[in-house]
Every structure is written in C-alpha cells, then in structure tokens.
Amino acid sequence: MIQITFDRNDDGFIHTFTMSGHADSGPYGHDLVCAGASAVAFGTVNAIAEICHTELDVEMKNDGGFLRCRVPEKLHRDTDEKVQLLLNGMLVSMKTMEEQYSQFIRIES
C-alpha cells in the first residue's frame, strides 16, 4: 500500500510530504495506482520548481517506494502561497485516488 503523509506547521501550511510503499495494484509496469500517485507527486514537485522557482528538499530511494519533500523555510509570502496552492492541489488529487482505490493508497493530512 502507498501511504502519503502531509505534515503541516503551526500556521496550517504543508511543510513536508512523505510517500512510501507500493500499491501492488497490478504487475510491475502496469500498476496504475502507483503510476498515478507518482505522476501527481513528481508533477507537483516539478510545478513548484518551474512556477514558483523553488526547489524542494527531495529525498528518495533509488529502488522506488520512498519520496520525502520538504518546503524551504522563510519563503517570500507570495511564493509560499503559490507553493501551498500546488501542494493542496496535490492533496486533493491524492484524496480523489484514495476514494477510488482505498485498498491501495492511504492519505494522512
């Protein structure tokens, strides 16, 4: 099962998300839940880099199954708002997948 945790600071802003595990909803290369979750996560990281000109602190394992991303501290307010919009969009997308495939993906926020 894929587990995704969104951690928030005292202001309610997402400061870290961690994605771990494998969906195992299909054979290797045909696991649509894994592919979907990965596409949303990496698409969000890339969008933050491209749109917000902000690099998240990314930690991942070479064999897959683990991704942790941290938002840099002390971003300009406008940049932080854009980053939060994109991260919350990611959260909505992941929750939508969880509604359809709860046996393969679990979200904590």
PDB file of N, CA and C in Angstrom:
ATOM      1  N   MET A   1       0.832  -1.179   0.000  1.00  0.00           N
ATOM      2  CA  MET A   1       0.000   0.000   0.000  1.00  0.00           C
ATOM      3  C   MET A   1       0.880   1.247   0.000  1.00  0.00           C
ATOM      4  N   ILE A   2       0.459   2.240  -0.755  1.00  0.00           N
ATOM      5  CA  ILE A   2       1.124   3.541  -0.739  1.00  0.00           C
ATOM      6  C   ILE A   2       0.534   4.344   0.413  1.00  0.00           C
ATOM      7  N   GLN A   3       1.398   4.912   1.230  1.00  0.00           N
ATOM      8  CA  GLN A   3       0.965   5.799   2.302  1.00  0.00           C
ATOM      9  C   GLN A   3       1.583   7.169   2.054  1.00  0.00           C
ATOM     10  N   ILE A   4       0.733   8.185   2.109  1.00  0.00           N
ATOM     11  CA  ILE A   4       1.204   9.551   1.893  1.00  0.00           C
ATOM     12  C   ILE A   4       0.796  10.379   3.095  1.00  0.00           C
ATOM     13  N   THR A   5       1.770  11.030   3.702  1.00  0.00           N
ATOM     14  CA  THR A   5       1.526  11.865   4.874  1.00  0.00           C
ATOM     15  C   THR A   5       1.905  13.302   4.541  1.00  0.00           C
ATOM     16  N   PHE A   6       0.989  14.207   4.849  1.00  0.00           N
ATOM     17  CA  PHE A   6       1.231  15.636   4.686  1.00  0.00           C
ATOM     18  C   PHE A   6       1.369  16.227   6.086  1.00  0.00           C
ATOM     19  N   ASP A   7       2.517  16.817   6.383  1.00  0.00           N
ATOM     20  CA  ASP A   7       2.748  17.446   7.682  1.00  0.00           C
ATOM     21  C   ASP A   7       2.613  18.952   7.534  1.00  0.00           C
ATOM     22  N   ARG A   8       1.937  19.547   8.516  1.00  0.00           N
ATOM     23  CA  ARG A   8       1.684  20.990   8.487  1.00  0.00           C
ATOM     24  C   ARG A   8       2.379  21.676   9.658  1.00  0.00           C
ATOM     25  N   ASN A   9       2.719  22.948   9.456  1.00  0.00           N
ATOM     26  CA  ASN A   9       3.291  23.726  10.551  1.00  0.00           C
ATOM     27  C   ASN A   9       2.162  24.323  11.389  1.00  0.00           C
ATOM     28  N   ASP A  10       2.514  25.130  12.374  1.00  0.00           N
ATOM     29  CA  ASP A  10       1.513  25.710  13.279  1.00  0.00           C
ATOM     30  C   ASP A  10       0.549  26.647  12.568  1.00  0.00           C
ATOM     31  N   ASP A  11       0.953  27.175  11.410  1.00  0.00           N
ATOM     32  CA  ASP A  11       0.080  28.057  10.631  1.00  0.00           C
ATOM     33  C   ASP A  11      -0.838  27.288   9.693  1.00  0.00           C
ATOM     34  N   GLY A  12      -0.707  25.956   9.687  1.00  0.00           N
ATOM     35  CA  GLY A  12      -1.545  25.132   8.823  1.00  0.00           C
ATOM     36  C   GLY A  12      -0.976  24.911   7.435  1.00  0.00           C
ATOM     37  N   PHE A  13       0.234  25.405   7.185  1.00  0.00           N
ATOM     38  CA  PHE A  13       0.863  25.226   5.877  1.00  0.00           C
ATOM     39  C   PHE A  13       1.548  23.871   5.797  1.00  0.00           C
ATOM     40  N   ILE A  14       1.426  23.225   4.649  1.00  0.00           N
ATOM     41  CA  ILE A  14       2.128  21.962   4.422  1.00  0.00           C
ATOM     42  C   ILE A  14       3.617  22.278   4.338  1.00  0.00           C
ATOM     43  N   HIS A  15       4.422  21.609   5.173  1.00  0.00           N
ATOM     44  CA  HIS A  15       5.868  21.834   5.103  1.00  0.00           C
ATOM     45  C   HIS A  15       6.616  20.595   4.625  1.00  0.00           C
ATOM     46  N   THR A  16       5.972  19.417   4.699  1.00  0.00           N
ATOM     47  CA  THR A  16       6.608  18.177   4.254  1.00  0.00           C
ATOM     48  C   THR A  16       5.536  17.219   3.763  1.00  0.00           C
ATOM     49  N   PHE A  17       5.838  16.475   2.712  1.00  0.00           N
ATOM     50  CA  PHE A  17       5.014  15.310   2.411  1.00  0.00           C
ATOM     51  C   PHE A  17       5.935  14.120   2.208  1.00  0.00           C
ATOM     52  N   THR A  18       5.449  12.972   2.667  1.00  0.00           N
ATOM     53  CA  THR A  18       6.205  11.725   2.576  1.00  0.00           C
ATOM     54  C   THR A  18       5.326  10.683   1.913  1.00  0.00           C
ATOM     55  N   MET A  19       5.864  10.035   0.919  1.00  0.00           N
ATOM     56  CA  MET A  19       5.150   8.998   0.166  1.00  0.00           C
ATOM     57  C   MET A  19       5.987   7.729   0.261  1.00  0.00           C
ATOM     58  N   SER A  20       5.387   6.637   0.756  1.00  0.00           N
ATOM     59  CA  SER A  20       6.153   5.399   0.903  1.00  0.00           C
ATOM     60  C   SER A  20       5.288   4.190   0.579  1.00  0.00           C
ATOM     61  N   GLY A  21       5.953   3.113   0.219  1.00  0.00           N
ATOM     62  CA  GLY A  21       5.270   1.860  -0.073  1.00  0.00           C
ATOM     63  C   GLY A  21       5.000   1.683  -1.554  1.00  0.00           C
ATOM     64  N   HIS A  22       4.337   0.586  -1.839  1.00  0.00           N
ATOM     65  CA  HIS A  22       3.974   0.231  -3.213  1.00  0.00           C
ATOM     66  C   HIS A  22       2.495  -0.145  -3.243  1.00  0.00           C
ATOM     67  N   ALA A  23       1.794   0.254  -4.283  1.00  0.00           N
ATOM     68  CA  ALA A  23       0.365  -0.046  -4.392  1.00  0.00           C
ATOM     69  C   ALA A  23       0.128  -1.524  -4.668  1.00  0.00           C
ATOM     70  N   ASP A  24       0.951  -2.116  -5.514  1.00  0.00           N
ATOM     71  CA  ASP A  24       0.762  -3.517  -5.915  1.00  0.00           C
ATOM     72  C   ASP A  24      -0.642  -3.767  -6.458  1.00  0.00           C
ATOM     73  N   SER A  25      -1.162  -2.793  -7.218  1.00  0.00           N
ATOM     74  CA  SER A  25      -2.495  -2.955  -7.808  1.00  0.00           C
ATOM     75  C   SER A  25      -2.438  -3.645  -9.162  1.00  0.00           C
ATOM     76  N   GLY A  26      -1.240  -3.931  -9.626  1.00  0.00           N
ATOM     77  CA  GLY A  26      -1.058  -4.612 -10.905  1.00  0.00           C
ATOM     78  C   GLY A  26       0.385  -5.035 -11.030  1.00  0.00           C
ATOM     79  N   PRO A  27       0.698  -5.794 -12.070  1.00  0.00           N
ATOM     80  CA  PRO A  27       2.083  -6.225 -12.262  1.00  0.00           C
ATOM     81  C   PRO A  27       2.998  -5.027 -12.521  1.00  0.00           C
ATOM     82  N   TYR A  28       4.290  -5.226 -12.255  1.00  0.00           N
ATOM     83  CA  TYR A  28       5.277  -4.173 -12.467  1.00  0.00           C
ATOM     84  C   TYR A  28       5.127  -3.607 -13.882  1.00  0.00           C
ATOM     85  N   GLY A  29       5.071  -2.292 -13.954  1.00  0.00           N
ATOM     86  CA  GLY A  29       4.912  -1.630 -15.242  1.00  0.00           C
ATOM     87  C   GLY A  29       3.461  -1.424 -15.648  1.00  0.00           C
ATOM     88  N   HIS A  30       2.536  -2.028 -14.896  1.00  0.00           N
ATOM     89  CA  HIS A  30       1.107  -1.907 -15.202  1.00  0.00           C
ATOM     90  C   HIS A  30       0.302  -1.523 -13.964  1.00  0.00           C
ATOM     91  N   ASP A  31       0.977  -1.000 -12.958  1.00  0.00           N
ATOM     92  CA  ASP A  31       0.340  -0.611 -11.703  1.00  0.00           C
ATOM     93  C   ASP A  31      -0.157   0.825 -11.847  1.00  0.00           C
ATOM     94  N   LEU A  32      -1.431   0.977 -12.184  1.00  0.00           N
ATOM     95  CA  LEU A  32      -1.976   2.300 -12.477  1.00  0.00           C
ATOM     96  C   LEU A  32      -2.056   3.197 -11.253  1.00  0.00           C
ATOM     97  N   VAL A  33      -2.307   2.629 -10.075  1.00  0.00           N
ATOM     98  CA  VAL A  33      -2.372   3.448  -8.863  1.00  0.00           C
ATOM     99  C   VAL A  33      -0.991   4.027  -8.558  1.00  0.00           C
ATOM    100  N   CYS A  34       0.024   3.196  -8.648  1.00  0.00           N
ATOM    101  CA  CYS A  34       1.398   3.663  -8.419  1.00  0.00           C
ATOM    102  C   CYS A  34       1.778   4.718  -9.452  1.00  0.00           C
ATOM    103  N   ALA A  35       1.462   4.455 -10.698  1.00  0.00           N
ATOM    104  CA  ALA A  35       1.788   5.406 -11.765  1.00  0.00           C
ATOM    105  C   ALA A  35       1.071   6.735 -11.546  1.00  0.00           C
ATOM    106  N   GLY A  36      -0.200   6.674 -11.169  1.00  0.00           N
ATOM    107  CA  GLY A  36      -0.965   7.894 -10.937  1.00  0.00           C
ATOM    108  C   GLY A  36      -0.429   8.701  -9.772  1.00  0.00           C
ATOM    109  N   ALA A  37      -0.170   8.023  -8.651  1.00  0.00           N
ATOM    110  CA  ALA A  37       0.347   8.716  -7.468  1.00  0.00           C
ATOM    111  C   ALA A  37       1.726   9.309  -7.746  1.00  0.00           C
ATOM    112  N   SER A  38       2.557   8.557  -8.437  1.00  0.00           N
ATOM    113  CA  SER A  38       3.898   9.052  -8.773  1.00  0.00           C
ATOM    114  C   SER A  38       3.823  10.259  -9.699  1.00  0.00           C
ATOM    115  N   ALA A  39       2.941  10.193 -10.685  1.00  0.00           N
ATOM    116  CA  ALA A  39       2.793  11.307 -11.625  1.00  0.00           C
ATOM    117  C   ALA A  39       2.329  12.572 -10.912  1.00  0.00           C
ATOM    118  N   VAL A  40       1.372  12.430 -10.006  1.00  0.00           N
ATOM    119  CA  VAL A  40       0.883  13.597  -9.265  1.00  0.00           C
ATOM    120  C   VAL A  40       1.992  14.170  -8.387  1.00  0.00           C
ATOM    121  N   ALA A  41       2.707  13.308  -7.667  1.00  0.00           N
ATOM    122  CA  ALA A  41       3.762  13.779  -6.761  1.00  0.00           C
ATOM    123  C   ALA A  41       4.891  14.463  -7.529  1.00  0.00           C
ATOM    124  N   PHE A  42       5.420  13.793  -8.542  1.00  0.00           N
ATOM    125  CA  PHE A  42       6.535  14.381  -9.289  1.00  0.00           C
ATOM    126  C   PHE A  42       6.084  15.579 -10.119  1.00  0.00           C
ATOM    127  N   GLY A  43       4.857  15.549 -10.610  1.00  0.00           N
ATOM    128  CA  GLY A  43       4.318  16.705 -11.321  1.00  0.00           C
ATOM    129  C   GLY A  43       4.228  17.922 -10.418  1.00  0.00           C
ATOM    130  N   THR A  44       3.841  17.703  -9.165  1.00  0.00           N
ATOM    131  CA  THR A  44       3.760  18.804  -8.204  1.00  0.00           C
ATOM    132  C   THR A  44       5.145  19.363  -7.893  1.00  0.00           C
ATOM    133  N   VAL A  45       6.102  18.481  -7.643  1.00  0.00           N
ATOM    134  CA  VAL A  45       7.478  18.921  -7.370  1.00  0.00           C
ATOM    135  C   VAL A  45       8.016  19.726  -8.554  1.00  0.00           C
ATOM    136  N   ASN A  46       7.784  19.241  -9.761  1.00  0.00           N
ATOM    137  CA  ASN A  46       8.248  19.947 -10.962  1.00  0.00           C
ATOM    138  C   ASN A  46       7.524  21.272 -11.155  1.00  0.00           C
ATOM    139  N   ALA A  47       6.220  21.308 -10.861  1.00  0.00           N
ATOM    140  CA  ALA A  47       5.458  22.551 -10.988  1.00  0.00           C
ATOM    141  C   ALA A  47       5.959  23.592  -9.995  1.00  0.00           C
ATOM    142  N   ILE A  48       6.265  23.169  -8.773  1.00  0.00           N
ATOM    143  CA  ILE A  48       6.796  24.100  -7.775  1.00  0.00           C
ATOM    144  C   ILE A  48       8.131  24.671  -8.250  1.00  0.00           C
ATOM    145  N   ALA A  49       8.970  23.831  -8.809  1.00  0.00           N
ATOM    146  CA  ALA A  49      10.266  24.302  -9.318  1.00  0.00           C
ATOM    147  C   ALA A  49      10.082  25.283 -10.474  1.00  0.00           C
ATOM    148  N   GLU A  50       9.198  24.948 -11.401  1.00  0.00           N
ATOM    149  CA  GLU A  50       9.024  25.751 -12.618  1.00  0.00           C
ATOM    150  C   GLU A  50       8.233  27.035 -12.362  1.00  0.00           C
ATOM    151  N   ILE A  51       7.119  26.927 -11.664  1.00  0.00           N
ATOM    152  CA  ILE A  51       6.222  28.070 -11.479  1.00  0.00           C
ATOM    153  C   ILE A  51       6.682  28.975 -10.341  1.00  0.00           C
ATOM    154  N   CYS A  52       7.133  28.357  -9.245  1.00  0.00           N
ATOM    155  CA  CYS A  52       7.494  29.118  -8.048  1.00  0.00           C
ATOM    156  C   CYS A  52       8.988  29.396  -7.943  1.00  0.00           C
ATOM    157  N   HIS A  53       9.762  28.833  -8.880  1.00  0.00           N
ATOM    158  CA  HIS A  53      11.219  28.990  -8.840  1.00  0.00           C
ATOM    159  C   HIS A  53      11.767  28.588  -7.470  1.00  0.00           C
ATOM    160  N   THR A  54      11.238  27.469  -6.968  1.00  0.00           N
ATOM    161  CA  THR A  54      11.593  26.971  -5.643  1.00  0.00           C
ATOM    162  C   THR A  54      11.909  25.486  -5.732  1.00  0.00           C
ATOM    163  N   GLU A  55      13.061  25.116  -5.231  1.00  0.00           N
ATOM    164  CA  GLU A  55      13.441  23.705  -5.186  1.00  0.00           C
ATOM    165  C   GLU A  55      13.101  23.148  -3.813  1.00  0.00           C
ATOM    166  N   LEU A  56      12.298  22.098  -3.785  1.00  0.00           N
ATOM    167  CA  LEU A  56      12.025  21.412  -2.535  1.00  0.00           C
ATOM    168  C   LEU A  56      13.243  20.570  -2.165  1.00  0.00           C
ATOM    169  N   ASP A  57      13.395  20.313  -0.882  1.00  0.00           N
ATOM    170  CA  ASP A  57      14.430  19.388  -0.414  1.00  0.00           C
ATOM    171  C   ASP A  57      13.870  17.989  -0.633  1.00  0.00           C
ATOM    172  N   VAL A  58      14.399  17.270  -1.611  1.00  0.00           N
ATOM    173  CA  VAL A  58      13.856  15.972  -2.024  1.00  0.00           C
ATOM    174  C   VAL A  58      14.775  14.854  -1.560  1.00  0.00           C
ATOM    175  N   GLU A  59      14.162  13.860  -0.931  1.00  0.00           N
ATOM    176  CA  GLU A  59      14.869  12.647  -0.512  1.00  0.00           C
ATOM    177  C   GLU A  59      14.098  11.465  -1.089  1.00  0.00           C
ATOM    178  N   MET A  60      14.800  10.576  -1.800  1.00  0.00           N
ATOM    179  CA  MET A  60      14.127   9.401  -2.341  1.00  0.00           C
ATOM    180  C   MET A  60      15.100   8.238  -2.412  1.00  0.00           C
ATOM    181  N   LYS A  61      14.530   7.050  -2.482  1.00  0.00           N
ATOM    182  CA  LYS A  61      15.346   5.847  -2.591  1.00  0.00           C
ATOM    183  C   LYS A  61      15.428   5.443  -4.054  1.00  0.00           C
ATOM    184  N   ASN A  62      16.593   4.975  -4.462  1.00  0.00           N
ATOM    185  CA  ASN A  62      16.824   4.605  -5.860  1.00  0.00           C
ATOM    186  C   ASN A  62      15.908   3.494  -6.340  1.00  0.00           C
ATOM    187  N   ASP A  63      15.540   2.577  -5.461  1.00  0.00           N
ATOM    188  CA  ASP A  63      14.696   1.451  -5.870  1.00  0.00           C
ATOM    189  C   ASP A  63      13.208   1.787  -5.828  1.00  0.00           C
ATOM    190  N   GLY A  64      12.878   3.037  -5.564  1.00  0.00           N
ATOM    191  CA  GLY A  64      11.481   3.458  -5.505  1.00  0.00           C
ATOM    192  C   GLY A  64      10.882   3.164  -4.146  1.00  0.00           C
ATOM    193  N   GLY A  65       9.631   3.506  -3.995  1.00  0.00           N
ATOM    194  CA  GLY A  65       8.924   3.207  -2.764  1.00  0.00           C
ATOM    195  C   GLY A  65       9.110   4.216  -1.655  1.00  0.00           C
ATOM    196  N   PHE A  66       9.847   5.303  -1.898  1.00  0.00           N
ATOM    197  CA  PHE A  66      10.011   6.324  -0.859  1.00  0.00           C
ATOM    198  C   PHE A  66      10.341   7.670  -1.491  1.00  0.00           C
ATOM    199  N   LEU A  67       9.564   8.689  -1.090  1.00  0.00           N
ATOM    200  CA  LEU A  67       9.799  10.065  -1.521  1.00  0.00           C
ATOM    201  C   LEU A  67       9.409  10.980  -0.372  1.00  0.00           C
ATOM    202  N   ARG A  68      10.324  11.842   0.036  1.00  0.00           N
ATOM    203  CA  ARG A  68      10.015  12.859   1.044  1.00  0.00           C
ATOM    204  C   ARG A  68      10.442  14.204   0.483  1.00  0.00           C
ATOM    205  N   CYS A  69       9.548  15.176   0.573  1.00  0.00           N
ATOM    206  CA  CYS A  69       9.836  16.522   0.071  1.00  0.00           C
ATOM    207  C   CYS A  69       9.524  17.536   1.160  1.00  0.00           C
ATOM    208  N   ARG A  70      10.461  18.448   1.361  1.00  0.00           N
ATOM    209  CA  ARG A  70      10.306  19.498   2.366  1.00  0.00           C
ATOM    210  C   ARG A  70      10.338  20.864   1.685  1.00  0.00           C
ATOM    211  N   VAL A  71       9.434  21.720   2.137  1.00  0.00           N
ATOM    212  CA  VAL A  71       9.388  23.098   1.641  1.00  0.00           C
ATOM    213  C   VAL A  71      10.472  23.891   2.369  1.00  0.00           C
ATOM    214  N   PRO A  72      11.263  24.681   1.645  1.00  0.00           N
ATOM    215  CA  PRO A  72      12.275  25.506   2.312  1.00  0.00           C
ATOM    216  C   PRO A  72      11.623  26.480   3.295  1.00  0.00           C
ATOM    217  N   GLU A  73      12.335  26.778   4.360  1.00  0.00           N
ATOM    218  CA  GLU A  73      11.838  27.757   5.327  1.00  0.00           C
ATOM    219  C   GLU A  73      12.038  29.168   4.789  1.00  0.00           C
ATOM    220  N   LYS A  74      11.243  30.079   5.302  1.00  0.00           N
ATOM    221  CA  LYS A  74      11.388  31.508   5.027  1.00  0.00           C
ATOM    222  C   LYS A  74      11.287  31.860   3.552  1.00  0.00           C
ATOM    223  N   LEU A  75      10.274  31.324   2.896  1.00  0.00           N
ATOM    224  CA  LEU A  75       9.995  31.737   1.519  1.00  0.00           C
ATOM    225  C   LEU A  75       9.295  33.085   1.542  1.00  0.00           C
ATOM    226  N   HIS A  76       9.428  33.831   0.455  1.00  0.00           N
ATOM    227  CA  HIS A  76       8.664  35.071   0.305  1.00  0.00           C
ATOM    228  C   HIS A  76       7.182  34.708   0.373  1.00  0.00           C
ATOM    229  N   ARG A  77       6.375  35.557   0.962  1.00  0.00           N
ATOM    230  CA  ARG A  77       4.956  35.256   1.180  1.00  0.00           C
ATOM    231  C   ARG A  77       4.234  34.851  -0.108  1.00  0.00           C
ATOM    232  N   ASP A  78       4.437  35.597  -1.192  1.00  0.00           N
ATOM    233  CA  ASP A  78       3.777  35.277  -2.465  1.00  0.00           C
ATOM    234  C   ASP A  78       4.200  33.902  -2.969  1.00  0.00           C
ATOM    235  N   THR A  79       5.477  33.595  -2.845  1.00  0.00           N
ATOM    236  CA  THR A  79       5.980  32.287  -3.279  1.00  0.00           C
ATOM    237  C   THR A  79       5.383  31.186  -2.425  1.00  0.00           C
ATOM    238  N   ASP A  80       5.357  31.396  -1.118  1.00  0.00           N
ATOM    239  CA  ASP A  80       4.815  30.387  -0.204  1.00  0.00           C
ATOM    240  C   ASP A  80       3.344  30.111  -0.511  1.00  0.00           C
ATOM    241  N   GLU A  81       2.584  31.151  -0.840  1.00  0.00           N
ATOM    242  CA  GLU A  81       1.170  30.961  -1.181  1.00  0.00           C
ATOM    243  C   GLU A  81       1.018  30.102  -2.435  1.00  0.00           C
ATOM    244  N   LYS A  82       1.859  30.325  -3.425  1.00  0.00           N
ATOM    245  CA  LYS A  82       1.810  29.513  -4.649  1.00  0.00           C
ATOM    246  C   LYS A  82       2.203  28.068  -4.361  1.00  0.00           C
ATOM    247  N   VAL A  83       3.250  27.889  -3.569  1.00  0.00           N
ATOM    248  CA  VAL A  83       3.679  26.535  -3.199  1.00  0.00           C
ATOM    249  C   VAL A  83       2.548  25.814  -2.471  1.00  0.00           C
ATOM    250  N   GLN A  84       1.893  26.506  -1.548  1.00  0.00           N
ATOM    251  CA  GLN A  84       0.801  25.889  -0.795  1.00  0.00           C
ATOM    252  C   GLN A  84      -0.380  25.536  -1.701  1.00  0.00           C
ATOM    253  N   LEU A  85      -0.675  26.388  -2.657  1.00  0.00           N
ATOM    254  CA  LEU A  85      -1.750  26.098  -3.606  1.00  0.00           C
ATOM    255  C   LEU A  85      -1.452  24.816  -4.370  1.00  0.00           C
ATOM    256  N   LEU A  86      -0.223  24.676  -4.842  1.00  0.00           N
ATOM    257  CA  LEU A  86       0.151  23.475  -5.590  1.00  0.00           C
ATOM    258  C   LEU A  86       0.147  22.235  -4.695  1.00  0.00           C
ATOM    259  N   LEU A  87       0.651  22.352  -3.475  1.00  0.00           N
ATOM    260  CA  LEU A  87       0.657  21.204  -2.565  1.00  0.00           C
ATOM    261  C   LEU A  87      -0.754  20.792  -2.163  1.00  0.00           C
ATOM    262  N   ASN A  88      -1.629  21.767  -1.955  1.00  0.00           N
ATOM    263  CA  ASN A  88      -3.014  21.429  -1.623  1.00  0.00           C
ATOM    264  C   ASN A  88      -3.732  20.825  -2.820  1.00  0.00           C
ATOM    265  N   GLY A  89      -3.382  21.259  -4.028  1.00  0.00           N
ATOM    266  CA  GLY A  89      -3.914  20.611  -5.230  1.00  0.00           C
ATOM    267  C   GLY A  89      -3.468  19.165  -5.311  1.00  0.00           C
ATOM    268  N   MET A  90      -2.217  18.910  -4.951  1.00  0.00           N
ATOM    269  CA  MET A  90      -1.714  17.536  -4.904  1.00  0.00           C
ATOM    270  C   MET A  90      -2.502  16.719  -3.891  1.00  0.00           C
ATOM    271  N   LEU A  91      -2.746  17.291  -2.720  1.00  0.00           N
ATOM    272  CA  LEU A  91      -3.511  16.600  -1.682  1.00  0.00           C
ATOM    273  C   LEU A  91      -4.903  16.227  -2.183  1.00  0.00           C
ATOM    274  N   VAL A  92      -5.572  17.140  -2.858  1.00  0.00           N
ATOM    275  CA  VAL A  92      -6.902  16.858  -3.413  1.00  0.00           C
ATOM    276  C   VAL A  92      -6.829  15.720  -4.428  1.00  0.00           C
ATOM    277  N   SER A  93      -5.839  15.746  -5.298  1.00  0.00           N
ATOM    278  CA  SER A  93      -5.684  14.679  -6.296  1.00  0.00           C
ATOM    279  C   SER A  93      -5.443  13.330  -5.632  1.00  0.00           C
ATOM    280  N   MET A  94      -4.600  13.303  -4.617  1.00  0.00           N
ATOM    281  CA  MET A  94      -4.316  12.046  -3.920  1.00  0.00           C
ATOM    282  C   MET A  94      -5.551  11.534  -3.183  1.00  0.00           C
ATOM    283  N   LYS A  95      -6.309  12.441  -2.563  1.00  0.00           N
ATOM    284  CA  LYS A  95      -7.537  12.022  -1.872  1.00  0.00           C
ATOM    285  C   LYS A  95      -8.554  11.463  -2.862  1.00  0.00           C
ATOM    286  N   THR A  96      -8.607  12.023  -4.059  1.00  0.00           N
ATOM    287  CA  THR A  96      -9.504  11.506  -5.092  1.00  0.00           C
ATOM    288  C   THR A  96      -9.122  10.078  -5.455  1.00  0.00           C
ATOM    289  N   MET A  97      -7.822   9.816  -5.582  1.00  0.00           N
ATOM    290  CA  MET A  97      -7.373   8.438  -5.849  1.00  0.00           C
ATOM    291  C   MET A  97      -7.721   7.523  -4.681  1.00  0.00           C
ATOM    292  N   GLU A  98      -7.546   8.034  -3.468  1.00  0.00           N
ATOM    293  CA  GLU A  98      -7.841   7.228  -2.279  1.00  0.00           C
ATOM    294  C   GLU A  98      -9.321   6.829  -2.241  1.00  0.00           C
ATOM    295  N   GLU A  99     -10.202   7.729  -2.652  1.00  0.00           N
ATOM    296  CA  GLU A  99     -11.636   7.418  -2.671  1.00  0.00           C
ATOM    297  C   GLU A  99     -11.938   6.237  -3.579  1.00  0.00           C
ATOM    298  N   GLN A 100     -11.241   6.133  -4.689  1.00  0.00           N
ATOM    299  CA  GLN A 100     -11.493   5.064  -5.656  1.00  0.00           C
ATOM    300  C   GLN A 100     -10.681   3.799  -5.388  1.00  0.00           C
ATOM    301  N   TYR A 101      -9.518   3.955  -4.770  1.00  0.00           N
ATOM    302  CA  TYR A 101      -8.585   2.829  -4.621  1.00  0.00           C
ATOM    303  C   TYR A 101      -8.076   2.726  -3.185  1.00  0.00           C
ATOM    304  N   SER A 102      -8.983   2.763  -2.218  1.00  0.00           N
ATOM    305  CA  SER A 102      -8.585   2.800  -0.807  1.00  0.00           C
ATOM    306  C   SER A 102      -7.822   1.558  -0.352  1.00  0.00           C
ATOM    307  N   GLN A 103      -7.924   0.477  -1.090  1.00  0.00           N
ATOM    308  CA  GLN A 103      -7.168  -0.724  -0.723  1.00  0.00           C
ATOM    309  C   GLN A 103      -5.706  -0.611  -1.137  1.00  0.00           C
ATOM    310  N   PHE A 104      -5.367   0.417  -1.936  1.00  0.00           N
ATOM    311  CA  PHE A 104      -4.009   0.564  -2.451  1.00  0.00           C
ATOM    312  C   PHE A 104      -3.296   1.843  -2.012  1.00  0.00           C
ATOM    313  N   ILE A 105      -4.052   2.834  -1.518  1.00  0.00           N
ATOM    314  CA  ILE A 105      -3.449   4.127  -1.177  1.00  0.00           C
ATOM    315  C   ILE A 105      -4.160   4.718   0.042  1.00  0.00           C
ATOM    316  N   ARG A 106      -3.370   5.269   0.965  1.00  0.00           N
ATOM    317  CA  ARG A 106      -3.916   5.893   2.171  1.00  0.00           C
ATOM    318  C   ARG A 106      -3.250   7.253   2.361  1.00  0.00           C
ATOM    319  N   ILE A 107      -4.090   8.258   2.649  1.00  0.00           N
ATOM    320  CA  ILE A 107      -3.611   9.629   2.808  1.00  0.00           C
ATOM    321  C   ILE A 107      -3.842  10.080   4.246  1.00  0.00           C
ATOM    322  N   GLU A 108      -2.845  10.720   4.837  1.00  0.00           N
ATOM    323  CA  GLU A 108      -2.978  11.362   6.148  1.00  0.00           C
ATOM    324  C   GLU A 108      -2.583  12.818   5.976  1.00  0.00           C
ATOM    325  N   SER A 109      -3.452  13.709   6.475  1.00  0.00           N
ATOM    326  CA  SER A 109      -3.106  15.131   6.323  1.00  0.00           C
ATOM    327  C   SER A 109      -3.367  15.901   7.588  1.00  0.00           C
TER     328      SER A 109
END
